[in-house]
C-alpha atoms as a PDB file:
ATOM      1  CA  UNK A   1     -17.350 -29.021   1.957  1.00  0.00           C
ATOM      2  CA  UNK A   2     -13.900 -30.293   2.160  1.00  0.00           C
ATOM      3  CA  UNK A   3     -11.353 -31.585   0.019  1.00  0.00           C
ATOM      4  CA  UNK A   4     -12.324 -34.258  -0.333  1.00  0.00           C
ATOM      5  CA  UNK A   5     -15.942 -33.900  -0.729  1.00  0.00           C
ATOM      6  CA  UNK A   6     -14.857 -33.206  -4.815  1.00  0.00           C
ATOM      7  CA  UNK A   7     -12.075 -33.284  -6.729  1.00  0.00           C
ATOM      8  CA  UNK A   8     -10.443 -29.962  -6.788  1.00  0.00           C
ATOM      9  CA  UNK A   9      -9.009 -28.445 -10.545  1.00  0.00           C
ATOM     10  CA  UNK A  10      -5.287 -29.675 -11.441  1.00  0.00           C
ATOM     11  CA  UNK A  11      -4.236 -26.356 -10.682  1.00  0.00           C
ATOM     12  CA  UNK A  12      -5.425 -25.720  -6.963  1.00  0.00           C
ATOM     13  CA  UNK A  13      -2.031 -26.399  -4.585  1.00  0.00           C
ATOM     14  CA  UNK A  14      -4.221 -27.704  -1.690  1.00  0.00           C
ATOM     15  CA  UNK A  15      -0.372 -28.106   0.463  1.00  0.00           C
ATOM     16  CA  UNK A  16       0.541 -24.424  -0.512  1.00  0.00           C
ATOM     17  CA  UNK A  17      -2.417 -23.478   0.792  1.00  0.00           C
ATOM     18  CA  UNK A  18      -2.513 -24.426   3.914  1.00  0.00           C
ATOM     19  CA  UNK A  19       1.150 -24.162   4.344  1.00  0.00           C
ATOM     20  CA  UNK A  20       0.685 -20.140   4.135  1.00  0.00           C
ATOM     21  CA  UNK A  21      -2.805 -20.787   5.369  1.00  0.00           C
ATOM     22  CA  UNK A  22      -0.487 -22.006   8.520  1.00  0.00           C
ATOM     23  CA  UNK A  23       2.132 -19.000   8.328  1.00  0.00           C
ATOM     24  CA  UNK A  24      -0.774 -15.824   8.555  1.00  0.00           C
ATOM     25  CA  UNK A  25      -0.576 -13.535  10.773  1.00  0.00           C
ATOM     26  CA  UNK A  26      -1.646  -9.823  12.047  1.00  0.00           C
ATOM     27  CA  UNK A  27       0.255  -7.078  10.870  1.00  0.00           C
ATOM     28  CA  UNK A  28      -0.184  -3.383  12.613  1.00  0.00           C
ATOM     29  CA  UNK A  29      -0.466  -0.527  10.176  1.00  0.00           C
ATOM     30  CA  UNK A  30      -0.585   2.574  11.414  1.00  0.00           C
ATOM     31  CA  UNK A  31      -0.850   6.344   9.878  1.00  0.00           C
ATOM     32  CA  UNK A  32       2.500   8.320   8.755  1.00  0.00           C
ATOM     33  CA  UNK A  33       1.086  11.491   8.114  1.00  0.00           C
ATOM     34  CA  UNK A  34      -0.043  13.187   5.417  1.00  0.00           C
ATOM     35  CA  UNK A  35       3.140  14.406   3.652  1.00  0.00           C
ATOM     36  CA  UNK A  36       3.425  16.454   0.263  1.00  0.00           C
ATOM     37  CA  UNK A  37       6.438  15.076  -2.564  1.00  0.00           C
ATOM     38  CA  UNK A  38       6.899  16.482  -5.610  1.00  0.00           C
ATOM     39  CA  UNK A  39       4.003  18.237  -5.220  1.00  0.00           C
ATOM     40  CA  UNK A  40       1.222  15.129  -4.495  1.00  0.00           C
ATOM     41  CA  UNK A  41      -0.788  14.898  -1.472  1.00  0.00           C
ATOM     42  CA  UNK A  42       0.927  11.851   0.226  1.00  0.00           C
ATOM     43  CA  UNK A  43      -0.894   9.946   3.059  1.00  0.00           C
ATOM     44  CA  UNK A  44       1.292   7.400   4.530  1.00  0.00           C
ATOM     45  CA  UNK A  45       1.103   3.768   6.212  1.00  0.00           C
ATOM     46  CA  UNK A  46       3.577   2.093   8.079  1.00  0.00           C
ATOM     47  CA  UNK A  47       2.688  -1.778   7.723  1.00  0.00           C
ATOM     48  CA  UNK A  48       4.610  -4.146   9.924  1.00  0.00           C
ATOM     49  CA  UNK A  49       5.792  -7.432   9.740  1.00  0.00           C
ATOM     50  CA  UNK A  50       6.191  -9.755  13.780  1.00  0.00           C
ATOM     51  CA  UNK A  51       9.390  -8.735  15.242  1.00  0.00           C
ATOM     52  CA  UNK A  52       9.691  -5.141  12.301  1.00  0.00           C
ATOM     53  CA  UNK A  53       9.206  -2.342  13.398  1.00  0.00           C
ATOM     54  CA  UNK A  54       9.173   0.743  10.549  1.00  0.00           C
ATOM     55  CA  UNK A  55      11.610   3.641  12.286  1.00  0.00           C
ATOM     56  CA  UNK A  56      10.854   7.338  11.441  1.00  0.00           C
ATOM     57  CA  UNK A  57      14.035   7.084   9.420  1.00  0.00           C
ATOM     58  CA  UNK A  58      12.905   4.055   7.162  1.00  0.00           C
ATOM     59  CA  UNK A  59       9.286   6.604   6.814  1.00  0.00           C
ATOM     60  CA  UNK A  60      12.061   9.330   5.677  1.00  0.00           C
ATOM     61  CA  UNK A  61      13.819   7.159   3.105  1.00  0.00           C
ATOM     62  CA  UNK A  62       9.910   6.045   1.809  1.00  0.00           C
ATOM     63  CA  UNK A  63       9.511   9.115   1.147  1.00  0.00           C
ATOM     64  CA  UNK A  64      12.251  10.197  -0.552  1.00  0.00           C
ATOM     65  CA  UNK A  65      11.847   6.873  -3.060  1.00  0.00           C
ATOM     66  CA  UNK A  66       8.081   8.155  -3.306  1.00  0.00           C
ATOM     67  CA  UNK A  67       9.128  11.964  -4.462  1.00  0.00           C
ATOM     68  CA  UNK A  68      11.668  10.508  -6.949  1.00  0.00           C
ATOM     69  CA  UNK A  69       8.164   7.642  -8.370  1.00  0.00           C
ATOM     70  CA  UNK A  70       6.100  11.312  -8.620  1.00  0.00           C
ATOM     71  CA  UNK A  71       8.458  13.320 -10.366  1.00  0.00           C
ATOM     72  CA  UNK A  72       6.793  12.625 -12.833  1.00  0.00           C
ATOM     73  CA  UNK A  73       3.144  11.954 -12.008  1.00  0.00           C
ATOM     74  CA  UNK A  74       1.464  14.697 -14.233  1.00  0.00           C
ATOM     75  CA  UNK A  75       2.627  12.261 -17.082  1.00  0.00           C
ATOM     76  CA  UNK A  76       1.048   9.547 -16.210  1.00  0.00           C
ATOM     77  CA  UNK A  77      -2.004  11.365 -15.898  1.00  0.00           C
ATOM     78  CA  UNK A  78      -1.561  11.798 -11.353  1.00  0.00           C
ATOM     79  CA  UNK A  79      -4.260  13.965 -10.108  1.00  0.00           C
ATOM     80  CA  UNK A  80      -1.841  15.332  -7.360  1.00  0.00           C
ATOM     81  CA  UNK A  81      -3.354  12.186  -4.806  1.00  0.00           C
ATOM     82  CA  UNK A  82      -1.162   9.542  -3.540  1.00  0.00           C
ATOM     83  CA  UNK A  83      -1.063   6.746  -1.038  1.00  0.00           C
ATOM     84  CA  UNK A  84       2.364   5.558   0.913  1.00  0.00           C
ATOM     85  CA  UNK A  85       2.945   2.300   2.133  1.00  0.00           C
ATOM     86  CA  UNK A  86       5.784   1.789   4.043  1.00  0.00           C
ATOM     87  CA  UNK A  87       6.176  -2.354   4.714  1.00  0.00           C
ATOM     88  CA  UNK A  88       8.684  -3.737   6.813  1.00  0.00           C
ATOM     89  CA  UNK A  89       8.232  -7.609   5.997  1.00  0.00           C
ATOM     90  CA  UNK A  90       9.065 -10.546   7.821  1.00  0.00           C
ATOM     91  CA  UNK A  91      11.400 -11.226   3.815  1.00  0.00           C
ATOM     92  CA  UNK A  92      12.002  -7.768   3.023  1.00  0.00           C
ATOM     93  CA  UNK A  93      11.193  -4.876   3.174  1.00  0.00           C
ATOM     94  CA  UNK A  94       8.676  -2.622   0.360  1.00  0.00           C
ATOM     95  CA  UNK A  95       7.583   0.046  -0.496  1.00  0.00           C
ATOM     96  CA  UNK A  96       4.073   1.235  -2.367  1.00  0.00           C
ATOM     97  CA  UNK A  97       2.949   3.695  -4.468  1.00  0.00           C
ATOM     98  CA  UNK A  98      -0.687   4.296  -5.198  1.00  0.00           C
ATOM     99  CA  UNK A  99      -1.826   7.312  -6.894  1.00  0.00           C
ATOM    100  CA  UNK A 100      -5.084   8.309  -8.358  1.00  0.00           C
ATOM    101  CA  UNK A 101      -4.703   9.320 -12.113  1.00  0.00           C
ATOM    102  CA  UNK A 102      -7.032  10.455 -14.272  1.00  0.00           C
ATOM    103  CA  UNK A 103     -10.354   8.556 -16.097  1.00  0.00           C
ATOM    104  CA  UNK A 104     -11.151   7.476 -12.543  1.00  0.00           C
ATOM    105  CA  UNK A 105      -7.719   4.557 -12.855  1.00  0.00           C
ATOM    106  CA  UNK A 106      -4.569   3.934 -10.183  1.00  0.00           C
ATOM    107  CA  UNK A 107      -0.895   3.830 -10.971  1.00  0.00           C
ATOM    108  CA  UNK A 108       1.412   0.945  -8.345  1.00  0.00           C
ATOM    109  CA  UNK A 109       4.367   1.159  -8.609  1.00  0.00           C
ATOM    110  CA  UNK A 110       6.351  -1.319  -5.475  1.00  0.00           C
ATOM    111  CA  UNK A 111       9.626  -0.792  -4.644  1.00  0.00           C
ATOM    112  CA  UNK A 112      11.856  -4.356  -2.737  1.00  0.00           C
ATOM    113  CA  UNK A 113      15.184  -4.560  -1.267  1.00  0.00           C
ATOM    114  CA  UNK A 114      16.667  -6.662   1.862  1.00  0.00           C
ATOM    115  CA  UNK A 115      15.695  -5.825   5.341  1.00  0.00           C
ATOM    116  CA  UNK A 116      16.104  -2.449   7.284  1.00  0.00           C
ATOM    117  CA  UNK A 117      18.296  -1.619   3.960  1.00  0.00           C
ATOM    118  CA  UNK A 118      15.295   1.021   2.538  1.00  0.00           C
ATOM    119  CA  UNK A 119      18.351   3.141   0.275  1.00  0.00           C
ATOM    120  CA  UNK A 120      18.653  -0.361  -1.919  1.00  0.00           C
ATOM    121  CA  UNK A 121      15.508  -0.695  -2.535  1.00  0.00           C
ATOM    122  CA  UNK A 122      14.746  -1.118  -6.109  1.00  0.00           C
ATOM    123  CA  UNK A 123      11.855  -1.709  -8.806  1.00  0.00           C
ATOM    124  CA  UNK A 124       9.880  -4.564  -8.186  1.00  0.00           C
ATOM    125  CA  UNK A 125       9.175  -7.601 -10.747  1.00  0.00           C
ATOM    126  CA  UNK A 126       7.028  -7.039 -13.425  1.00  0.00           C
ATOM    127  CA  UNK A 127       3.496  -8.522 -12.044  1.00  0.00           C
ATOM    128  CA  UNK A 128       4.190  -8.064  -8.444  1.00  0.00           C
ATOM    129  CA  UNK A 129       0.917  -6.845  -6.785  1.00  0.00           C
ATOM    130  CA  UNK A 130      -0.038  -6.308  -2.789  1.00  0.00           C
ATOM    131  CA  UNK A 131       0.655  -8.638  -0.362  1.00  0.00           C
ATOM    132  CA  UNK A 132      -2.869  -9.693   1.626  1.00  0.00           C
ATOM    133  CA  UNK A 133      -1.899  -6.774   4.391  1.00  0.00           C
ATOM    134  CA  UNK A 134      -0.794  -3.794   2.128  1.00  0.00           C
ATOM    135  CA  UNK A 135      -4.406  -4.705  -0.622  1.00  0.00           C
ATOM    136  CA  UNK A 136      -5.763  -3.682   2.560  1.00  0.00           C
ATOM    137  CA  UNK A 137      -4.475  -1.126   3.019  1.00  0.00           C
ATOM    138  CA  UNK A 138      -5.192   0.052  -0.260  1.00  0.00           C
ATOM    139  CA  UNK A 139      -8.478  -1.957   0.031  1.00  0.00           C
ATOM    140  CA  UNK A 140      -9.238   1.531   3.138  1.00  0.00           C
ATOM    141  CA  UNK A 141      -7.870   3.786   0.009  1.00  0.00           C
ATOM    142  CA  UNK A 142     -10.183   2.909  -2.356  1.00  0.00           C
ATOM    143  CA  UNK A 143     -13.081   2.958  -0.601  1.00  0.00           C
ATOM    144  CA  UNK A 144     -12.054   6.940   1.033  1.00  0.00           C
ATOM    145  CA  UNK A 145     -10.808   8.482  -2.105  1.00  0.00           C
ATOM    146  CA  UNK A 146     -14.119   7.390  -3.618  1.00  0.00           C
ATOM    147  CA  UNK A 147     -17.037   8.576  -0.014  1.00  0.00           C
ATOM    148  CA  UNK A 148     -14.778  12.046   0.133  1.00  0.00           C
ATOM    149  CA  UNK A 149     -13.566  12.866  -2.808  1.00  0.00           C
ATOM    150  CA  UNK A 150     -15.786  11.606  -5.746  1.00  0.00           C
ATOM    151  CA  UNK A 151     -19.213  11.435  -3.437  1.00  0.00           C
ATOM    152  CA  UNK A 152     -18.049  14.543  -1.502  1.00  0.00           C
ATOM    153  CA  UNK A 153     -20.541  17.025  -2.112  1.00  0.00           C
ATOM    154  CA  UNK A 154     -18.263  20.219  -0.487  1.00  0.00           C
ATOM    155  CA  UNK A 155     -15.017  22.333  -1.728  1.00  0.00           C
ATOM    156  CA  UNK A 156     -12.279  20.420  -2.986  1.00  0.00           C
ATOM    157  CA  UNK A 157      -9.949  21.269   0.064  1.00  0.00           C
ATOM    158  CA  UNK A 158     -13.013  20.265   2.333  1.00  0.00           C
ATOM    159  CA  UNK A 159     -13.061  16.560   0.424  1.00  0.00           C
ATOM    160  CA  UNK A 160      -9.184  16.426   0.360  1.00  0.00           C
ATOM    161  CA  UNK A 161      -9.300  16.806   4.408  1.00  0.00           C
ATOM    162  CA  UNK A 162     -12.043  14.628   4.781  1.00  0.00           C
ATOM    163  CA  UNK A 163     -10.070  12.383   2.230  1.00  0.00           C
ATOM    164  CA  UNK A 164      -6.618  13.075   4.929  1.00  0.00           C
ATOM    165  CA  UNK A 165      -7.810  12.408   7.744  1.00  0.00           C
ATOM    166  CA  UNK A 166      -9.527   8.756   6.703  1.00  0.00           C
ATOM    167  CA  UNK A 167      -6.867   6.633   8.066  1.00  0.00           C
ATOM    168  CA  UNK A 168      -6.745   3.628   8.678  1.00  0.00           C
ATOM    169  CA  UNK A 169      -5.214   2.431  11.824  1.00  0.00           C
ATOM    170  CA  UNK A 170      -5.091  -0.954  13.734  1.00  0.00           C
ATOM    171  CA  UNK A 171      -4.329  -5.071  13.626  1.00  0.00           C
ATOM    172  CA  UNK A 172      -4.944  -6.777   9.782  1.00  0.00           C
ATOM    173  CA  UNK A 173      -5.637  -9.932   9.784  1.00  0.00           C
END
């Protein structure tokens, strides 16, 4: 069915959707290892827009941001496991800190800022959610957490090792 076959609701911005479709492209994702920050086990990823690279310095800066955020983790119900995404985006830099918390819930903090200046990142605006590529990483992590930690039958230490080893790498569409 094409757009001419029936009337779309007024809020559907077909021009904007088609423009986004034209801009959509592949982005590489790679694991940056597992770290300890503020008493949390943190799985880190680099996500890169065309022409951008997450450097070791960028990863270190993002880990410092995550550590500061995670320092109050227990007061937010943190279970001590987090995912860090360092996204060298096309329009700026982003750091996402996703924490598993009590009640089978998660906490997400998004920090945003200008290209190449991770030390200037600040919390994103209220309501900001992951972009399509960041959401793909978090989807993988949700499945890995459920499969290895929640549904696992081994000791917690073995479950956490399996979760840490289950990483996403390649190209996201």
